[in-house]
Amino acid sequence: MLFPTIDFAIFFGIVFVLNWLLAPSPRYWKLFILAASYVFYGWWDWRFVFLLAASTVATTLGGIMVHRSQTDRGRNFCLGTTVAVELGLLAWFKYYGFFAQSVDNALHSMGLHGSFPLLNVTLPVGISFFTFMGLSYVIDIHRRRLEPAKPIDVAVFVAFFPHLVAGPIVRGSELIPQIERSHRRNPRNIDFPRAAYLIMAGLFKKVVLSSYVSSAIVDPVFATPSQHSGLETLFAVWGYAVQIYCDFSGYTDIAIGCAMLLGFRFPENFNSPYTARSLQDFWRRWHMTLSFWLRDYLYIPLGGNQGGDATMYRNIMITMVLGGLWHGAAWTFIAWGALHGIGQCTGHFRRKRRVGAGLPAMREGRLAVAWQRFATFQYVCLGWVFFRATGFGNAWEVLGRLVSGWTMPSPLVTFPVLLAIAVGIGTQYVPKGFALACQQTFARWGAVLQGATLGAILLVITTLGPPGVAPFIYFRF
C-alpha cells in the first residue's frame, strides 16, 4: 500500500473532517483536496508528483485547445497532439524497457552485435489510470459531449486520491460536475451504511481472502510449479482467480466507499464477474470502467461491429490485445489479451450460427447455464495463468503440471484454502438484495451499535488476515 494501514486511516480522517469544514468554500476545498491528493501520491515517490502535474497540464490545455479550435482540422490536430503527449509519457515510463529489451533480443537472435540502450525506468504507480482518465476528458470535449472545466476542477478530477492509483477509471462527465457543485454537498446526505459496507467488504476481500490464498497456495505453486502436484496447481490457478478478483475489487470497493464518505459517487467497477455465461458477459462485469473505456474510445472508433464479421473480429482482437498491453509491458499480457480476443470472436461466431439456424443465441435451462458459467470461468482461469506468470516458460510449466503430477501428494490443498476459494467465488452468487438488506438493517442502528459493529468487523479482519499484507496487484498498472 502507499500508506501503512494506520497512516492511511489518520490521513483519511484528516481529509474527511477538513473536507466538510471547507466544503462551503469551493476554492479552499479544491485547493485542499488537490494538495491532499498530491501528498497521497507523493508518499510513494515524491518525484512523480511532477509527472502527475504534467499529465494534468496536458489534459487541461488539450481540452481548452480542442474546444477553442474553429475548424475540424484544428480540433483534430489539437486532439492528436494531446493524445501523443499523454501516450508518450505512458509509453516512456511503462513500455520503454519492454520495447528496448524486445529489440535487443531480436538483434542478438539475428547475430547482430551491439545492444539497444537499456535504461532502468521506474514505473510510476497508477500511470495507466490517470492517463486514460485524461484522454477520455479531452476526447469527450472533441466529441462535443463535454465542455472544458476550470483548470482547478480538472486538476482535482485527475488527481482525486481515492481513484488515483488503481481506479476505477472515472470519466470527466461523471466526476467533474460533482466537483463543480462540491460546495452544495450536505454531510447529512452521505450514504454511510453503503460506504461502510463497501469499505469493510473491500478490506475483507483484500486482507483476508486475497492475501491468504496468495501466500498459502498461489505464490508457492507459481514460484516452482515442478515441485507441486496437479491438484495443487489446479487450485493455485483457481486461487489466483480469487486473489486477483478480491484484490482489485477490494481496492475499488474501498475507493468507492471513501469517495462516498466525501460526498462523491464513483461508477461500479465489478458485477459478479465469475457468474458470467460468456467472455463477452465477463467483460461487462470485470473492471467495467476499463471495459467500457476500451469499447467507447477504441473498439467503436475502429469501426466496432460495422463492416462485416471479419472487420469486427479484427477490431475485437486489436482492442483485447491492446487491453492486455495496457495491463503490463510483457508478452504474457499480450497473450492474455489475445486469448480473450480469440475467445470472444469464437463466442460471437457460435452465437451467430445458432441464430442463423433459428435457435436462441445461447442455450437456456439450469444445466446449460451452469455449464456456460463453468466453461467461461475455466477459460478465464486459463488466461489468468499467463497474466500471473513471470514469463512464457513459467506459464507452460504451470499448464504442464495441470496434466501431470496427479499422483503426487498435495499438502497445500487444505480446508482453509478450499474455504477461501469457495467464499471468493460463492459470494458472487449471493443476491444483491442480501447486501442491501444488511445495509438497511445497519442504517437503523444507533451510532454506538454501528461503531461497535464496525470495530468487531475490523477485529475479525485483522485476526484472520496474515501479517505483512502485500500491495494491491493493480498498483503495478
Protein backbone atom coordinates (compact mmCIF):
# COMPACT_ATOMS: atom_id res chain seq x y z
CA MET A 1 0.00 0.00 0.00
CA LEU A 2 1.08 3.58 -0.42
CA PHE A 3 0.47 4.14 3.28
CA PRO A 4 0.69 1.70 6.16
CA THR A 5 -2.87 1.00 7.30
CA ILE A 6 -2.77 3.19 10.40
CA ASP A 7 -1.18 6.06 8.47
CA PHE A 8 -3.88 5.91 5.83
CA ALA A 9 -6.61 5.84 8.49
CA ILE A 10 -5.17 9.02 10.05
CA PHE A 11 -4.71 10.61 6.61
CA PHE A 12 -8.27 9.86 5.56
CA GLY A 13 -9.65 11.00 8.91
CA ILE A 14 -7.98 14.40 8.49
CA VAL A 15 -9.19 14.66 4.90
CA PHE A 16 -12.70 13.65 5.91
CA VAL A 17 -13.01 16.32 8.61
CA LEU A 18 -11.43 19.13 6.58
CA ASN A 19 -13.46 18.10 3.53
CA TRP A 20 -16.68 19.07 5.28
CA LEU A 21 -15.27 22.09 7.06
CA LEU A 22 -14.02 23.56 3.78
CA ALA A 23 -16.89 22.35 1.58
CA PRO A 24 -18.84 25.67 1.76
CA SER A 25 -15.75 27.45 0.35
CA PRO A 26 -15.20 25.82 -3.07
CA ARG A 27 -11.85 27.48 -3.78
CA TYR A 28 -10.27 26.40 -0.50
CA TRP A 29 -11.82 22.94 -0.63
CA LYS A 30 -10.47 22.27 -4.10
CA LEU A 31 -7.00 23.51 -3.18
CA PHE A 32 -7.06 21.36 -0.05
CA ILE A 33 -8.25 18.18 -1.77
CA LEU A 34 -5.71 18.72 -4.55
CA ALA A 35 -2.90 19.13 -2.02
CA ALA A 36 -4.09 16.05 -0.13
CA SER A 37 -4.13 14.02 -3.35
CA TYR A 38 -0.59 15.07 -4.21
CA VAL A 39 0.57 14.17 -0.69
CA PHE A 40 -1.11 10.79 -1.10
CA TYR A 41 0.62 10.18 -4.44
CA GLY A 42 3.94 11.66 -3.34
CA TRP A 43 4.06 9.36 -0.32
CA TRP A 44 5.10 6.60 -2.74
CA ASP A 45 7.74 8.68 -4.54
CA TRP A 46 7.64 12.48 -4.37
CA ARG A 47 9.46 12.86 -7.69
CA PHE A 48 6.50 11.54 -9.64
CA VAL A 49 4.17 14.29 -8.48
CA PHE A 50 5.76 16.23 -11.36
CA LEU A 51 4.57 13.52 -13.76
CA LEU A 52 1.06 13.77 -12.36
CA ALA A 53 1.23 17.56 -12.73
CA ALA A 54 2.49 17.24 -16.32
CA SER A 55 -0.37 14.89 -17.21
CA THR A 56 -2.82 17.33 -15.63
CA VAL A 57 -1.41 20.28 -17.60
CA ALA A 58 -1.58 18.29 -20.85
CA THR A 59 -5.18 17.31 -20.12
CA THR A 60 -6.23 20.86 -19.21
CA LEU A 61 -4.53 22.60 -22.14
CA GLY A 62 -5.59 19.88 -24.56
CA GLY A 63 -9.23 20.28 -23.63
CA ILE A 64 -9.06 24.07 -23.97
CA MET A 65 -7.30 23.95 -27.36
CA VAL A 66 -9.68 21.35 -28.76
CA HIS A 67 -12.68 23.41 -27.63
CA ARG A 68 -11.35 26.70 -29.00
CA SER A 69 -10.30 25.39 -32.40
CA GLN A 70 -12.54 26.78 -35.11
CA THR A 71 -12.04 24.07 -37.72
CA ASP A 72 -12.28 20.29 -37.70
CA ARG A 73 -8.68 20.10 -38.85
CA GLY A 74 -7.56 22.26 -35.94
CA ARG A 75 -9.63 20.24 -33.47
CA ASN A 76 -8.17 17.01 -34.78
CA PHE A 77 -4.64 18.40 -34.61
CA CYS A 78 -5.06 19.53 -31.00
CA LEU A 79 -6.60 16.20 -30.05
CA GLY A 80 -3.82 14.28 -31.78
CA THR A 81 -1.15 16.38 -30.07
CA THR A 82 -2.71 15.84 -26.63
CA VAL A 83 -3.09 12.10 -27.19
CA ALA A 84 0.54 11.93 -28.38
CA VAL A 85 1.77 13.72 -25.24
CA GLU A 86 -0.31 11.62 -22.85
CA LEU A 87 0.52 8.32 -24.54
CA GLY A 88 4.13 9.40 -24.97
CA LEU A 89 4.50 9.76 -21.20
CA LEU A 90 2.81 6.41 -20.68
CA ALA A 91 4.95 4.72 -23.35
CA TRP A 92 8.20 6.04 -21.92
CA PHE A 93 7.59 5.07 -18.32
CA LYS A 94 5.71 1.84 -18.90
CA TYR A 95 6.86 0.40 -22.23
CA TYR A 96 10.37 1.66 -22.94
CA GLY A 97 12.03 -1.21 -21.09
CA PHE A 98 9.79 -3.79 -22.79
CA PHE A 99 10.43 -2.31 -26.24
CA ALA A 100 14.16 -1.94 -25.70
CA GLN A 101 14.55 -5.49 -24.37
CA SER A 102 12.49 -6.93 -27.25
CA VAL A 103 14.58 -5.07 -29.85
CA ASP A 104 17.80 -6.08 -28.13
CA ASN A 105 16.76 -9.75 -28.08
CA ALA A 106 15.77 -9.58 -31.75
CA LEU A 107 19.15 -8.08 -32.70
CA HIS A 108 21.02 -10.78 -30.82
CA SER A 109 18.89 -13.53 -32.39
CA MET A 110 19.93 -12.24 -35.83
CA GLY A 111 23.59 -12.34 -34.83
CA LEU A 112 23.97 -8.58 -34.74
CA HIS A 113 26.48 -7.37 -32.18
CA GLY A 114 25.97 -4.33 -30.02
CA SER A 115 22.89 -3.68 -27.99
CA PHE A 116 19.90 -1.39 -27.84
CA PRO A 117 20.24 1.10 -24.97
CA LEU A 118 18.56 -0.41 -21.90
CA LEU A 119 17.64 2.16 -19.26
CA ASN A 120 16.22 1.50 -15.83
CA VAL A 121 12.95 3.42 -15.99
CA THR A 122 10.80 3.24 -12.85
CA LEU A 123 7.11 2.61 -13.49
CA PRO A 124 5.04 5.29 -11.71
CA VAL A 125 2.16 3.79 -9.77
CA GLY A 126 -1.27 4.34 -11.32
CA ILE A 127 0.00 5.98 -14.52
CA SER A 128 -2.29 3.89 -16.73
CA PHE A 129 -5.35 5.01 -14.77
CA PHE A 130 -4.85 8.76 -14.70
CA THR A 131 -3.63 8.73 -18.33
CA PHE A 132 -6.83 7.05 -19.53
CA MET A 133 -8.91 9.46 -17.47
CA GLY A 134 -7.16 12.45 -19.04
CA LEU A 135 -7.62 11.01 -22.53
CA SER A 136 -11.34 10.41 -22.03
CA TYR A 137 -11.78 14.03 -20.87
CA VAL A 138 -10.13 15.51 -23.98
CA ILE A 139 -11.79 13.05 -26.38
CA ASP A 140 -15.23 13.81 -24.92
CA ILE A 141 -14.60 17.53 -25.48
CA HIS A 142 -13.60 16.74 -29.07
CA ARG A 143 -16.84 14.80 -29.49
CA ARG A 144 -18.74 17.82 -28.07
CA ARG A 145 -20.07 15.73 -25.20
CA LEU A 146 -18.30 17.78 -22.56
CA GLU A 147 -17.39 21.42 -22.02
CA PRO A 148 -13.91 22.35 -20.71
CA ALA A 149 -13.91 22.69 -16.95
CA LYS A 150 -11.98 25.17 -14.82
CA PRO A 151 -8.29 24.20 -14.52
CA ILE A 152 -8.65 23.60 -10.77
CA ASP A 153 -11.58 21.25 -11.41
CA VAL A 154 -9.60 19.31 -14.00
CA ALA A 155 -6.65 19.08 -11.61
CA VAL A 156 -8.87 17.66 -8.86
CA PHE A 157 -10.52 15.29 -11.36
CA VAL A 158 -7.19 13.80 -12.45
CA ALA A 159 -5.55 13.65 -9.02
CA PHE A 160 -8.51 12.86 -6.71
CA PHE A 161 -6.82 10.40 -4.37
CA PRO A 162 -9.50 7.65 -3.95
CA HIS A 163 -9.23 6.63 -7.61
CA LEU A 164 -5.71 7.89 -8.32
CA VAL A 165 -3.54 4.78 -8.11
CA ALA A 166 -5.80 1.89 -9.12
CA GLY A 167 -9.09 3.19 -10.44
CA PRO A 168 -11.90 2.97 -11.13
CA ILE A 169 -11.40 4.91 -14.37
CA VAL A 170 -13.83 7.77 -13.78
CA ARG A 171 -14.78 9.96 -16.74
CA GLY A 172 -14.95 13.72 -16.69
CA SER A 173 -18.70 13.67 -17.31
CA GLU A 174 -19.10 11.54 -14.18
CA LEU A 175 -16.86 13.36 -11.70
CA ILE A 176 -16.29 16.96 -12.82
CA PRO A 177 -19.94 18.04 -12.35
CA GLN A 178 -19.72 16.70 -8.79
CA ILE A 179 -16.52 18.68 -8.21
CA GLU A 180 -18.11 21.84 -9.61
CA ARG A 181 -21.05 21.63 -7.20
CA SER A 182 -19.00 20.32 -4.27
CA HIS A 183 -19.92 23.33 -2.12
CA ARG A 184 -23.56 22.20 -2.18
CA ARG A 185 -22.85 18.81 -0.64
CA ASN A 186 -24.70 18.05 2.58
CA PRO A 187 -22.88 15.87 5.14
CA ARG A 188 -26.23 14.52 6.29
CA ASN A 189 -26.93 13.08 2.85
CA ILE A 190 -23.99 10.68 2.91
CA ASP A 191 -24.99 7.06 2.39
CA PHE A 192 -22.90 5.96 5.37
CA PRO A 193 -24.27 2.39 5.59
CA ARG A 194 -23.36 1.65 1.97
CA ALA A 195 -19.96 3.35 2.27
CA ALA A 196 -19.17 1.37 5.43
CA TYR A 197 -20.34 -1.85 3.78
CA LEU A 198 -18.12 -1.27 0.74
CA ILE A 199 -15.05 -0.39 2.80
CA MET A 200 -15.45 -3.37 5.15
CA ALA A 201 -16.17 -5.75 2.27
CA GLY A 202 -13.16 -4.41 0.38
CA LEU A 203 -10.88 -4.84 3.38
CA PHE A 204 -12.12 -8.39 3.96
CA LYS A 205 -11.61 -9.36 0.33
CA LYS A 206 -8.12 -7.88 0.20
CA VAL A 207 -6.71 -8.53 3.67
CA VAL A 208 -8.30 -11.92 4.36
CA LEU A 209 -9.18 -13.71 1.12
CA SER A 210 -6.70 -12.31 -1.41
CA SER A 211 -3.71 -12.23 0.91
CA TYR A 212 -4.41 -15.70 2.29
CA VAL A 213 -4.79 -17.59 -1.00
CA SER A 214 -1.75 -15.74 -2.33
CA SER A 215 0.57 -16.82 0.46
CA ALA A 216 -1.00 -20.23 1.08
CA ILE A 217 -1.01 -21.68 -2.43
CA VAL A 218 -0.71 -19.25 -5.36
CA ASP A 219 2.77 -17.84 -4.77
CA PRO A 220 4.41 -21.19 -3.85
CA VAL A 221 2.98 -23.03 -6.88
CA PHE A 222 3.75 -20.32 -9.44
CA ALA A 223 7.26 -19.91 -8.00
CA THR A 224 8.19 -23.58 -8.51
CA PRO A 225 5.47 -25.41 -10.49
CA SER A 226 7.57 -28.58 -10.94
CA GLN A 227 7.61 -29.19 -7.19
CA HIS A 228 3.82 -29.28 -6.87
CA SER A 229 1.11 -31.74 -7.82
CA GLY A 230 -1.50 -31.35 -10.50
CA LEU A 231 -4.19 -30.88 -7.85
CA GLU A 232 -2.20 -28.14 -6.11
CA THR A 233 -1.63 -26.45 -9.47
CA LEU A 234 -5.32 -26.56 -10.32
CA PHE A 235 -6.28 -24.97 -7.02
CA ALA A 236 -3.45 -22.44 -7.37
CA VAL A 237 -4.92 -21.34 -10.70
CA TRP A 238 -8.40 -21.12 -9.23
CA GLY A 239 -6.86 -19.43 -6.21
CA TYR A 240 -5.27 -16.77 -8.37
CA ALA A 241 -8.66 -16.07 -9.95
CA VAL A 242 -9.95 -15.44 -6.43
CA GLN A 243 -6.83 -13.48 -5.44
CA ILE A 244 -6.93 -11.00 -8.30
CA TYR A 245 -10.69 -10.54 -8.05
CA CYS A 246 -10.64 -9.97 -4.29
CA ASP A 247 -7.54 -7.78 -4.56
CA PHE A 248 -8.78 -5.48 -7.31
CA SER A 249 -12.48 -5.39 -6.49
CA GLY A 250 -11.49 -4.96 -2.85
CA TYR A 251 -9.47 -1.86 -3.71
CA THR A 252 -12.22 -0.36 -5.84
CA ASP A 253 -14.81 -1.09 -3.14
CA ILE A 254 -12.63 0.83 -0.66
CA ALA A 255 -12.10 3.65 -3.18
CA ILE A 256 -15.82 3.94 -3.95
CA GLY A 257 -16.64 3.84 -0.23
CA CYS A 258 -14.08 6.50 0.66
CA ALA A 259 -15.31 8.75 -2.16
CA MET A 260 -18.87 8.23 -0.94
CA LEU A 261 -17.89 9.39 2.56
CA LEU A 262 -16.50 12.55 0.96
CA GLY A 263 -19.79 13.06 -0.90
CA PHE A 264 -18.83 11.72 -4.34
CA ARG A 265 -20.19 8.87 -6.44
CA PHE A 266 -17.90 6.65 -8.50
CA PRO A 267 -19.18 4.19 -11.11
CA GLU A 268 -19.42 0.50 -10.27
CA ASN A 269 -16.37 -1.48 -11.39
CA PHE A 270 -17.26 -5.14 -10.74
CA ASN A 271 -20.52 -7.03 -11.02
CA SER A 272 -20.00 -10.67 -10.02
CA PRO A 273 -17.69 -11.42 -12.99
CA TYR A 274 -17.32 -15.14 -12.24
CA THR A 275 -21.04 -15.66 -12.78
CA ALA A 276 -20.61 -14.69 -16.45
CA ARG A 277 -22.01 -17.04 -19.09
CA SER A 278 -19.64 -15.94 -21.85
CA LEU A 279 -16.45 -13.93 -22.28
CA GLN A 280 -18.49 -11.05 -23.63
CA ASP A 281 -20.58 -11.22 -20.47
CA PHE A 282 -17.41 -11.46 -18.37
CA TRP A 283 -16.09 -8.18 -19.77
CA ARG A 284 -19.40 -6.48 -18.99
CA ARG A 285 -18.79 -7.45 -15.36
CA TRP A 286 -15.00 -7.32 -14.88
CA HIS A 287 -13.17 -3.97 -14.48
CA MET A 288 -16.21 -2.39 -16.06
CA THR A 289 -14.78 1.12 -16.26
CA LEU A 290 -11.84 -0.17 -18.34
CA SER A 291 -14.10 -2.39 -20.46
CA PHE A 292 -16.40 0.49 -21.31
CA TRP A 293 -13.41 2.79 -21.89
CA LEU A 294 -11.94 0.37 -24.42
CA ARG A 295 -15.34 -0.02 -26.06
CA ASP A 296 -16.08 3.70 -26.35
CA TYR A 297 -12.59 5.05 -27.13
CA LEU A 298 -11.02 2.18 -29.09
CA TYR A 299 -13.38 -0.53 -30.33
CA ILE A 300 -16.16 1.76 -31.64
CA PRO A 301 -13.74 4.28 -33.26
CA LEU A 302 -12.09 1.32 -35.03
CA GLY A 303 -15.47 0.53 -36.56
CA GLY A 304 -16.97 -1.75 -33.92
CA ASN A 305 -19.24 -4.38 -35.44
CA GLN A 306 -19.86 -2.32 -38.58
CA GLY A 307 -18.47 -3.61 -41.85
CA GLY A 308 -18.90 -7.36 -41.57
CA ASP A 309 -17.69 -10.15 -39.32
CA ALA A 310 -14.07 -10.05 -40.45
CA THR A 311 -13.81 -6.36 -39.56
CA MET A 312 -15.49 -6.95 -36.22
CA TYR A 313 -13.14 -9.84 -35.37
CA ARG A 314 -10.18 -7.64 -36.27
CA ASN A 315 -11.47 -4.86 -34.04
CA ILE A 316 -12.09 -7.25 -31.16
CA MET A 317 -8.55 -8.64 -31.43
CA ILE A 318 -6.95 -5.18 -31.61
CA THR A 319 -8.97 -3.99 -28.61
CA MET A 320 -8.22 -7.02 -26.45
CA VAL A 321 -4.52 -7.21 -27.34
CA LEU A 322 -4.08 -3.51 -26.54
CA GLY A 323 -6.14 -4.05 -23.40
CA GLY A 324 -3.70 -6.77 -22.41
CA LEU A 325 -0.75 -4.49 -23.13
CA TRP A 326 -2.37 -1.77 -21.00
CA HIS A 327 -2.11 -4.12 -18.04
CA GLY A 328 1.61 -4.68 -18.36
CA ALA A 329 4.65 -4.40 -20.60
CA ALA A 330 5.23 -8.10 -21.25
CA TRP A 331 4.42 -10.64 -23.95
CA THR A 332 2.44 -12.66 -21.42
CA PHE A 333 -0.03 -9.77 -21.05
CA ILE A 334 -0.36 -9.59 -24.82
CA ALA A 335 -1.03 -13.34 -24.87
CA TRP A 336 -3.64 -12.88 -22.15
CA GLY A 337 -5.40 -10.20 -24.19
CA ALA A 338 -5.17 -12.31 -27.36
CA LEU A 339 -6.73 -15.30 -25.56
CA HIS A 340 -9.69 -13.16 -24.56
CA GLY A 341 -9.96 -11.77 -28.08
CA ILE A 342 -9.95 -15.26 -29.62
CA GLY A 343 -12.50 -16.43 -27.06
CA GLN A 344 -14.83 -13.52 -27.81
CA CYS A 345 -14.56 -13.99 -31.57
CA THR A 346 -15.28 -17.70 -31.18
CA GLY A 347 -18.26 -16.99 -28.94
CA HIS A 348 -19.69 -14.50 -31.42
CA PHE A 349 -19.24 -17.00 -34.29
CA ARG A 350 -21.07 -19.72 -32.36
CA ARG A 351 -23.92 -17.43 -31.33
CA LYS A 352 -24.35 -16.21 -34.91
CA ARG A 353 -24.51 -19.79 -36.19
CA ARG A 354 -27.19 -20.64 -33.65
CA VAL A 355 -29.27 -17.59 -34.57
CA GLY A 356 -28.84 -18.44 -38.25
CA ALA A 357 -30.21 -21.91 -37.54
CA GLY A 358 -33.28 -20.43 -35.89
CA LEU A 359 -32.09 -21.16 -32.32
CA PRO A 360 -31.63 -18.82 -29.36
CA ALA A 361 -28.19 -17.21 -29.25
CA MET A 362 -27.41 -19.18 -26.07
CA ARG A 363 -28.95 -22.28 -24.58
CA GLU A 364 -31.15 -21.73 -21.56
CA GLY A 365 -32.07 -24.01 -18.71
CA ARG A 366 -30.29 -24.71 -15.43
CA LEU A 367 -27.80 -27.26 -16.71
CA ALA A 368 -26.96 -25.18 -19.78
CA VAL A 369 -26.44 -22.01 -17.74
CA ALA A 370 -24.35 -23.90 -15.17
CA TRP A 371 -22.16 -25.32 -17.93
CA GLN A 372 -21.76 -21.91 -19.59
CA ARG A 373 -20.63 -20.38 -16.31
CA PHE A 374 -18.27 -23.25 -15.55
CA ALA A 375 -16.71 -23.21 -19.04
CA THR A 376 -16.35 -19.42 -19.05
CA PHE A 377 -14.67 -19.49 -15.63
CA GLN A 378 -12.20 -22.16 -16.75
CA TYR A 379 -11.29 -20.18 -19.86
CA VAL A 380 -10.82 -17.04 -17.78
CA CYS A 381 -8.56 -19.05 -15.45
CA LEU A 382 -6.52 -20.20 -18.46
CA GLY A 383 -5.93 -16.54 -19.25
CA TRP A 384 -5.02 -15.81 -15.63
CA VAL A 385 -2.13 -18.30 -15.90
CA PHE A 386 -0.43 -16.03 -18.46
CA PHE A 387 -1.43 -12.91 -16.52
CA ARG A 388 0.22 -14.21 -13.34
CA ALA A 389 3.21 -15.99 -14.87
CA THR A 390 6.64 -14.38 -14.80
CA GLY A 391 7.17 -15.42 -18.44
CA PHE A 392 6.07 -17.96 -21.02
CA GLY A 393 8.35 -20.60 -19.54
CA ASN A 394 6.65 -20.24 -16.18
CA ALA A 395 3.19 -20.33 -17.82
CA TRP A 396 4.00 -23.54 -19.76
CA GLU A 397 5.30 -25.13 -16.57
CA VAL A 398 2.07 -24.34 -14.73
CA LEU A 399 -0.09 -25.61 -17.60
CA GLY A 400 2.10 -28.70 -17.87
CA ARG A 401 1.51 -29.57 -14.22
CA LEU A 402 -2.24 -29.50 -14.87
CA VAL A 403 -1.82 -32.65 -16.99
CA SER A 404 0.82 -34.37 -14.88
CA GLY A 405 1.80 -34.91 -11.28
CA TRP A 406 -1.64 -36.06 -10.17
CA THR A 407 -0.19 -38.91 -8.13
CA MET A 408 1.93 -36.56 -6.01
CA PRO A 409 0.81 -35.53 -2.51
CA SER A 410 -0.99 -32.18 -2.25
CA PRO A 411 -0.27 -30.73 1.19
CA LEU A 412 -1.14 -27.16 0.10
CA VAL A 413 -4.75 -28.12 -0.69
CA THR A 414 -6.05 -27.59 2.82
CA PHE A 415 -9.53 -26.92 4.16
CA PRO A 416 -8.81 -23.18 4.74
CA VAL A 417 -7.60 -22.87 1.13
CA LEU A 418 -10.73 -24.63 -0.16
CA LEU A 419 -12.90 -22.44 2.04
CA ALA A 420 -11.23 -19.20 0.92
CA ILE A 421 -11.63 -20.12 -2.76
CA ALA A 422 -15.24 -21.20 -2.22
CA VAL A 423 -16.07 -17.95 -0.41
CA GLY A 424 -14.31 -15.84 -3.04
CA ILE A 425 -16.35 -17.41 -5.83
CA GLY A 426 -19.54 -18.29 -3.96
CA THR A 427 -20.23 -14.81 -2.63
CA GLN A 428 -20.62 -13.62 -6.21
CA TYR A 429 -23.77 -15.74 -6.44
CA VAL A 430 -25.35 -14.11 -3.38
CA PRO A 431 -28.32 -11.98 -4.49
CA LYS A 432 -27.70 -8.24 -4.33
CA GLY A 433 -30.79 -7.92 -2.20
CA PHE A 434 -28.91 -9.55 0.67
CA ALA A 435 -26.27 -6.79 0.73
CA LEU A 436 -28.99 -4.16 0.50
CA ALA A 437 -30.87 -5.74 3.41
CA CYS A 438 -27.67 -5.73 5.51
CA GLN A 439 -27.13 -2.04 4.76
CA GLN A 440 -30.73 -1.17 5.63
CA THR A 441 -30.50 -3.06 8.91
CA PHE A 442 -27.20 -1.35 9.75
CA ALA A 443 -28.73 2.06 8.94
CA ARG A 444 -31.45 1.54 11.56
CA TRP A 445 -28.95 1.02 14.36
CA GLY A 446 -27.70 3.80 16.57
CA ALA A 447 -24.22 5.29 16.29
CA VAL A 448 -22.88 3.30 19.24
CA LEU A 449 -24.04 -0.05 17.86
CA GLN A 450 -22.79 0.87 14.38
CA GLY A 451 -19.37 1.77 15.76
CA ALA A 452 -19.19 -1.43 17.81
CA THR A 453 -20.14 -3.50 14.77
CA LEU A 454 -17.51 -1.89 12.56
CA GLY A 455 -14.92 -2.35 15.30
CA ALA A 456 -15.81 -6.03 15.61
CA ILE A 457 -15.54 -6.50 11.84
CA LEU A 458 -12.14 -4.81 11.78
CA LEU A 459 -11.02 -7.07 14.64
CA VAL A 460 -12.09 -10.15 12.67
CA ILE A 461 -10.32 -8.88 9.54
CA THR A 462 -7.14 -8.13 11.50
CA THR A 463 -7.25 -11.52 13.21
CA LEU A 464 -7.87 -13.55 10.06
CA GLY A 465 -5.57 -11.57 7.80
CA PRO A 466 -1.94 -12.69 7.55
CA PRO A 467 0.85 -10.34 8.69
CA GLY A 468 2.50 -8.20 6.06
CA VAL A 469 -0.36 -7.69 3.62
CA ALA A 470 1.03 -7.36 0.08
CA PRO A 471 0.46 -4.23 -2.04
CA PHE A 472 -2.57 -4.18 -4.33
CA ILE A 473 -1.86 -6.00 -7.59
CA TYR A 474 -3.22 -3.21 -9.79
CA PHE A 475 -0.83 -0.65 -8.31
CA ARG A 476 1.55 -2.01 -10.98
CA PHE A 477 -0.71 -0.90 -13.80
